[in-house]
Amino acid sequence: MVRMLRPVLFLSLTLALAALALPALADDAKPDADAAYRQEVESWRKTRVEGLKKEDGWFTLVGLFWLDEGENRFGSASSNKVILPEGKAPAVAGALVRKGEAVRVRVEPGAKVTHDGKPVTELDLQNDLAGEPTALQIGSVSFHVIKRGERIGVRVKDTAAEALKAFHGLDNYGIDPSWRVTARFEPYQHPKQVPIPNVLGTVENVPSPGVVVFERGGQTWRMDALEGSPDGGLFLIFADQTNGKETYGAGRFLSTDPPKDGKVVVDFNKAYNPPCAFSAYATCPLPPRQNHLALRVEAGEKKYGEGH
């Protein structure tokens, strides 16, 4: 009888020890998951910095000028409507002729303006909202037409801009997995038109596919989402109580993957600054009133430099 009990006792002891080990294995798995998540966010942030360092990034912006109807001269002279960086273009390089939304460039002889590497004398220019804008170049300087509401402007970039040379990275909050929130997505039956203000002082109605709802600090928070990536991802413009102190004063942006089964992951560790945090020549949208959160979102990018 004793001999028969020994295997049973041994098996029971083995199972008991295994049961005791299960919580430890679960605890070990969590740090591994956290480490993988942190690595993912670090990789995302690295890609973000690399994007800002590119020669067509926001740090290369050196000018924004609004065109009048008719002829608008461009060049390095201060008397031009569109002023290019001094010493990097002729005093008068040509003229941009606006007729409504249409813009045509006429280049002065010897100005060496090119498009796609080919010399330009006259050319119709496509603005950024009509598709890929027609970029004109003079040495390290490029410029193209933009459309904002009824306004037609010219955005000037310089691959040798001082702001780009001075950029050495971004400041972020520490990665906090609790700010990776699984939110509820409540689609609107028909896209809702959301008034979105911008830094130009105008307001544009933008379609919202639905509202994002999440819990934090025992409260429920709601934000109208805008259309994001072509595959159905969402774009959020939000403000919170860190703005103007630790983070950029005009709020931050956040992109998500497409909602699935009524849920969407909102990762505030990937909240990022709008272009206006880096350049006075950007035309950023601002958070709608309903996306002003009365809490501190201590996650994502902090303000850049002395920006407010």
Protein backbone atom coordinates (compact mmCIF):
# COMPACT_ATOMS: atom_id res chain seq x y z
CA MET A 1 0.00 0.00 0.00
CA VAL A 2 2.83 2.36 0.91
CA ARG A 3 4.52 1.55 -2.39
CA MET A 4 1.34 2.48 -4.28
CA LEU A 5 1.03 5.81 -2.47
CA ARG A 6 4.57 6.95 -3.23
CA PRO A 7 3.97 7.60 -6.98
CA VAL A 8 0.71 9.37 -6.16
CA LEU A 9 2.39 11.56 -3.57
CA PHE A 10 5.25 12.33 -5.97
CA LEU A 11 2.81 13.28 -8.73
CA SER A 12 0.80 15.48 -6.36
CA LEU A 13 3.94 17.23 -5.19
CA THR A 14 5.06 17.80 -8.77
CA LEU A 15 1.71 19.29 -9.76
CA ALA A 16 1.71 21.52 -6.68
CA LEU A 17 5.16 22.86 -7.49
CA ALA A 18 4.13 23.45 -11.09
CA ALA A 19 1.08 25.39 -9.93
CA LEU A 20 3.27 27.56 -7.73
CA ALA A 21 5.54 28.27 -10.69
CA LEU A 22 2.71 29.44 -13.01
CA PRO A 23 2.33 32.94 -11.50
CA ALA A 24 6.07 33.40 -11.76
CA LEU A 25 5.98 32.43 -15.44
CA ALA A 26 3.14 34.89 -16.01
CA ASP A 27 5.09 37.63 -14.25
CA ASP A 28 8.13 36.85 -16.39
CA ALA A 29 6.00 37.13 -19.54
CA LYS A 30 4.77 40.63 -18.68
CA PRO A 31 8.23 42.23 -18.53
CA ASP A 32 8.97 40.62 -21.89
CA ALA A 33 5.80 42.13 -23.35
CA ASP A 34 6.61 45.53 -21.84
CA ALA A 35 10.15 45.35 -23.24
CA ALA A 36 8.83 44.53 -26.71
CA TYR A 37 6.34 47.41 -26.50
CA ARG A 38 9.01 49.87 -25.36
CA GLN A 39 11.22 48.78 -28.24
CA GLU A 40 8.32 49.37 -30.65
CA VAL A 41 7.77 52.92 -29.36
CA GLU A 42 11.50 53.68 -29.42
CA SER A 43 11.63 52.50 -33.04
CA TRP A 44 8.62 54.69 -33.89
CA ARG A 45 10.28 57.70 -32.27
CA LYS A 46 13.53 57.06 -34.14
CA THR A 47 11.64 56.99 -37.44
CA ARG A 48 9.91 60.21 -36.45
CA VAL A 49 13.25 61.98 -35.89
CA GLU A 50 14.67 60.64 -39.14
CA GLY A 51 11.64 62.05 -40.98
CA LEU A 52 12.22 65.51 -39.50
CA LYS A 53 15.86 65.38 -40.60
CA LYS A 54 14.96 64.88 -44.26
CA GLU A 55 15.73 67.57 -46.81
CA ASP A 56 12.01 68.11 -47.43
CA GLY A 57 11.09 68.07 -43.71
CA TRP A 58 9.50 70.83 -41.66
CA PHE A 59 12.84 72.25 -40.53
CA THR A 60 13.63 73.28 -44.11
CA LEU A 61 10.71 75.74 -44.29
CA VAL A 62 12.02 79.30 -44.64
CA GLY A 63 9.05 81.22 -46.00
CA LEU A 64 5.32 81.38 -46.70
CA PHE A 65 3.84 84.06 -48.96
CA TRP A 66 0.25 84.63 -50.10
CA LEU A 67 -0.29 85.51 -53.75
CA ASP A 68 -2.39 88.36 -55.10
CA GLU A 69 -4.37 88.13 -58.32
CA GLY A 70 -2.14 88.87 -61.29
CA GLU A 71 1.65 89.07 -61.28
CA ASN A 72 3.68 88.26 -58.15
CA ARG A 73 7.44 88.63 -58.59
CA PHE A 74 9.81 86.24 -56.81
CA GLY A 75 13.52 86.46 -56.02
CA SER A 76 15.88 87.48 -53.21
CA ALA A 77 15.08 91.23 -53.32
CA SER A 78 12.86 92.42 -50.46
CA SER A 79 10.61 94.21 -52.95
CA ASN A 80 9.34 90.88 -54.32
CA LYS A 81 6.01 89.38 -53.31
CA VAL A 82 7.73 86.02 -52.79
CA ILE A 83 11.11 86.54 -51.13
CA LEU A 84 13.71 83.80 -51.51
CA PRO A 85 16.75 83.46 -49.19
CA GLU A 86 19.35 86.17 -49.73
CA GLY A 87 22.37 85.09 -51.75
CA LYS A 88 20.63 81.96 -53.03
CA ALA A 89 18.60 83.40 -55.90
CA PRO A 90 18.72 86.37 -58.30
CA ALA A 91 17.20 89.63 -57.06
CA VAL A 92 14.28 89.00 -59.42
CA ALA A 93 14.05 85.42 -60.70
CA GLY A 94 10.64 85.63 -62.33
CA ALA A 95 6.94 86.04 -61.68
CA LEU A 96 4.07 83.87 -60.47
CA VAL A 97 0.88 84.83 -62.29
CA ARG A 98 -2.31 83.98 -60.42
CA LYS A 99 -5.73 83.74 -62.06
CA GLY A 100 -8.17 82.46 -59.46
CA GLU A 101 -6.75 79.14 -58.25
CA ALA A 102 -4.51 78.75 -61.31
CA VAL A 103 -0.84 79.79 -61.07
CA ARG A 104 1.68 79.96 -63.90
CA VAL A 105 5.39 80.72 -63.49
CA ARG A 106 7.41 82.89 -65.86
CA VAL A 107 11.17 82.74 -65.31
CA GLU A 108 13.66 85.51 -66.08
CA PRO A 109 16.47 84.58 -68.49
CA GLY A 110 19.51 83.23 -66.65
CA ALA A 111 17.62 82.59 -63.36
CA LYS A 112 18.31 78.82 -63.57
CA VAL A 113 14.96 77.70 -62.21
CA THR A 114 14.33 73.97 -62.71
CA HIS A 115 11.57 71.39 -62.26
CA ASP A 116 12.53 67.73 -61.97
CA GLY A 117 16.04 68.73 -63.01
CA LYS A 118 14.93 70.41 -66.24
CA PRO A 119 15.16 74.17 -66.96
CA VAL A 120 11.90 76.08 -66.74
CA THR A 121 10.88 79.18 -68.69
CA GLU A 122 7.09 78.97 -68.26
CA LEU A 123 5.02 76.30 -66.52
CA ASP A 124 1.56 75.81 -65.00
CA LEU A 125 1.90 74.92 -61.30
CA GLN A 126 -0.27 72.42 -59.44
CA ASN A 127 -1.05 73.23 -55.81
CA ASP A 128 -0.70 70.79 -52.92
CA LEU A 129 -4.43 70.08 -52.57
CA ALA A 130 -4.80 69.18 -56.25
CA GLY A 131 -2.19 66.42 -55.96
CA GLU A 132 1.59 66.37 -55.85
CA PRO A 133 2.57 70.06 -55.95
CA THR A 134 4.84 71.26 -58.75
CA ALA A 135 8.19 71.96 -57.07
CA LEU A 136 10.52 74.59 -58.55
CA GLN A 137 14.19 74.74 -57.56
CA ILE A 138 17.03 77.24 -57.53
CA GLY A 139 20.12 75.63 -55.98
CA SER A 140 19.30 74.53 -52.42
CA VAL A 141 16.00 76.46 -52.49
CA SER A 142 12.67 75.01 -53.62
CA PHE A 143 9.15 76.39 -53.61
CA HIS A 144 5.65 75.23 -54.48
CA VAL A 145 2.07 76.46 -54.45
CA ILE A 146 -0.34 75.68 -51.59
CA LYS A 147 -4.08 76.25 -51.25
CA ARG A 148 -5.72 77.04 -47.91
CA GLY A 149 -9.40 77.86 -48.21
CA GLU A 150 -9.65 80.71 -50.69
CA ARG A 151 -5.99 81.65 -50.23
CA ILE A 152 -3.25 80.66 -52.64
CA GLY A 153 0.31 80.81 -51.35
CA VAL A 154 3.89 79.78 -51.95
CA ARG A 155 5.84 77.69 -49.46
CA VAL A 156 9.62 78.08 -49.64
CA LYS A 157 12.13 75.46 -48.45
CA ASP A 158 15.91 75.43 -48.18
CA THR A 159 17.83 72.17 -47.71
CA ALA A 160 20.62 74.24 -46.13
CA ALA A 161 18.29 75.93 -43.61
CA GLU A 162 19.83 76.82 -40.24
CA ALA A 163 16.90 75.26 -38.36
CA LEU A 164 17.65 71.90 -39.97
CA LYS A 165 21.33 72.16 -39.07
CA ALA A 166 20.41 72.97 -35.46
CA PHE A 167 18.00 70.03 -35.04
CA HIS A 168 19.44 67.27 -32.85
CA GLY A 169 16.37 65.37 -31.70
CA LEU A 170 13.14 65.55 -29.70
CA ASP A 171 12.28 65.46 -26.01
CA ASN A 172 9.68 62.90 -24.94
CA TYR A 173 8.01 61.71 -21.79
CA GLY A 174 9.16 58.29 -20.58
CA ILE A 175 7.31 55.40 -22.19
CA ASP A 176 4.32 54.48 -20.02
CA PRO A 177 2.34 51.40 -21.21
CA SER A 178 -0.74 52.62 -19.30
CA TRP A 179 -1.08 55.41 -21.88
CA ARG A 180 -1.61 52.80 -24.61
CA VAL A 181 -5.38 52.85 -24.36
CA THR A 182 -7.87 50.47 -25.96
CA ALA A 183 -10.72 52.85 -26.71
CA ARG A 184 -14.25 52.35 -27.97
CA PHE A 185 -14.97 53.63 -31.47
CA GLU A 186 -18.49 54.89 -32.07
CA PRO A 187 -18.96 55.54 -35.80
CA TYR A 188 -21.37 58.22 -36.94
CA GLN A 189 -24.18 56.94 -39.15
CA HIS A 190 -23.18 59.67 -41.60
CA PRO A 191 -19.81 61.47 -41.41
CA LYS A 192 -20.19 64.46 -39.10
CA GLN A 193 -18.81 67.80 -40.27
CA VAL A 194 -16.45 69.02 -37.54
CA PRO A 195 -15.32 72.69 -37.56
CA ILE A 196 -11.50 72.61 -37.39
CA PRO A 197 -9.80 75.96 -36.72
CA ASN A 198 -6.23 76.61 -37.89
CA VAL A 199 -3.36 78.95 -37.12
CA LEU A 200 -4.37 81.19 -40.04
CA GLY A 201 -7.50 82.18 -38.13
CA THR A 202 -9.91 80.40 -40.44
CA VAL A 203 -12.19 77.41 -39.83
CA GLU A 204 -12.75 74.46 -42.16
CA ASN A 205 -15.48 71.81 -41.85
CA VAL A 206 -13.81 68.39 -41.95
CA PRO A 207 -15.69 65.06 -42.00
CA SER A 208 -15.39 62.92 -38.87
CA PRO A 209 -16.07 59.16 -39.21
CA GLY A 210 -16.81 58.77 -35.49
CA VAL A 211 -15.88 59.42 -31.89
CA VAL A 212 -13.17 57.76 -29.78
CA VAL A 213 -14.18 57.02 -26.17
CA PHE A 214 -11.71 55.97 -23.45
CA GLU A 215 -11.43 55.74 -19.67
CA ARG A 216 -8.77 57.46 -17.60
CA GLY A 217 -8.66 58.46 -13.94
CA GLY A 218 -12.13 57.08 -13.32
CA GLN A 219 -13.65 59.33 -16.00
CA THR A 220 -14.83 58.89 -19.56
CA TRP A 221 -13.24 61.02 -22.28
CA ARG A 222 -14.44 61.55 -25.84
CA MET A 223 -12.69 62.89 -28.94
CA ASP A 224 -13.94 63.39 -32.48
CA ALA A 225 -11.66 61.55 -34.90
CA LEU A 226 -10.80 62.68 -38.41
CA GLU A 227 -10.02 60.51 -41.40
CA GLY A 228 -6.43 59.29 -41.22
CA SER A 229 -4.63 56.70 -43.33
CA PRO A 230 -6.22 55.39 -46.58
CA ASP A 231 -6.80 51.99 -44.93
CA GLY A 232 -9.20 53.48 -42.38
CA GLY A 233 -6.83 54.67 -39.68
CA LEU A 234 -7.88 57.65 -37.58
CA PHE A 235 -6.29 61.06 -37.03
CA LEU A 236 -6.76 62.83 -33.69
CA ILE A 237 -6.03 66.47 -32.86
CA PHE A 238 -6.22 66.99 -29.11
CA ALA A 239 -5.33 69.42 -26.36
CA ASP A 240 -4.67 68.65 -22.69
CA GLN A 241 -3.53 70.32 -19.49
CA THR A 242 0.20 69.91 -20.21
CA ASN A 243 -0.07 72.29 -23.20
CA GLY A 244 2.00 75.44 -22.89
CA LYS A 245 3.97 73.97 -19.98
CA GLU A 246 5.59 70.67 -20.86
CA THR A 247 4.03 70.26 -24.31
CA TYR A 248 3.32 72.46 -27.32
CA GLY A 249 0.69 75.06 -26.49
CA ALA A 250 -1.56 74.46 -29.50
CA GLY A 251 -2.03 70.74 -28.83
CA ARG A 252 -0.70 67.58 -30.42
CA PHE A 253 -1.51 65.03 -33.11
CA LEU A 254 -2.02 61.28 -32.86
CA SER A 255 -2.60 58.62 -35.53
CA THR A 256 -4.17 55.20 -35.02
CA ASP A 257 -4.60 51.95 -36.90
CA PRO A 258 -8.09 51.24 -38.30
CA PRO A 259 -10.73 50.43 -35.66
CA LYS A 260 -11.62 46.74 -35.37
CA ASP A 261 -14.71 45.19 -33.77
CA GLY A 262 -15.69 48.55 -32.31
CA LYS A 263 -12.29 49.09 -30.66
CA VAL A 264 -9.27 51.22 -31.53
CA VAL A 265 -5.86 51.47 -29.85
CA VAL A 266 -4.98 55.07 -28.97
CA ASP A 267 -1.30 55.17 -28.02
CA PHE A 268 -0.56 58.52 -26.38
CA ASN A 269 3.12 57.50 -26.15
CA LYS A 270 3.11 58.23 -29.89
CA ALA A 271 1.46 61.65 -29.60
CA TYR A 272 3.49 64.09 -31.68
CA ASN A 273 3.90 67.82 -32.25
CA PRO A 274 2.25 69.56 -35.20
CA PRO A 275 4.55 71.18 -37.78
CA CYS A 276 3.85 74.61 -36.24
CA ALA A 277 5.90 73.54 -33.23
CA PHE A 278 8.95 73.63 -35.50
CA SER A 279 8.22 76.34 -38.06
CA ALA A 280 6.38 79.66 -38.21
CA TYR A 281 5.60 78.92 -41.86
CA ALA A 282 3.33 75.91 -41.34
CA THR A 283 -0.48 76.12 -41.51
CA CYS A 284 -1.57 73.71 -38.77
CA PRO A 285 -5.08 72.68 -37.78
CA LEU A 286 -5.97 73.18 -34.12
CA PRO A 287 -7.92 70.91 -31.75
CA PRO A 288 -11.70 71.33 -31.93
CA ARG A 289 -13.28 72.34 -28.63
CA GLN A 290 -14.65 68.84 -27.95
CA ASN A 291 -11.10 67.43 -28.12
CA HIS A 292 -9.80 69.60 -25.26
CA LEU A 293 -9.16 67.08 -22.48
CA ALA A 294 -9.33 68.29 -18.88
CA LEU A 295 -6.49 66.01 -17.81
CA ARG A 296 -2.71 65.85 -18.07
CA VAL A 297 -1.56 63.56 -20.87
CA GLU A 298 1.98 62.94 -19.64
CA ALA A 299 2.97 60.88 -22.67
CA GLY A 300 4.42 61.47 -26.11
CA GLU A 301 6.41 64.43 -27.38
CA LYS A 302 7.19 67.44 -25.23
CA LYS A 303 7.51 70.95 -26.67
CA TYR A 304 10.46 71.64 -28.95
CA GLY A 305 13.03 74.28 -28.00
CA GLU A 306 11.39 77.43 -26.68
CA GLY A 307 8.06 76.72 -28.40
CA HIS A 308 4.92 77.48 -26.39
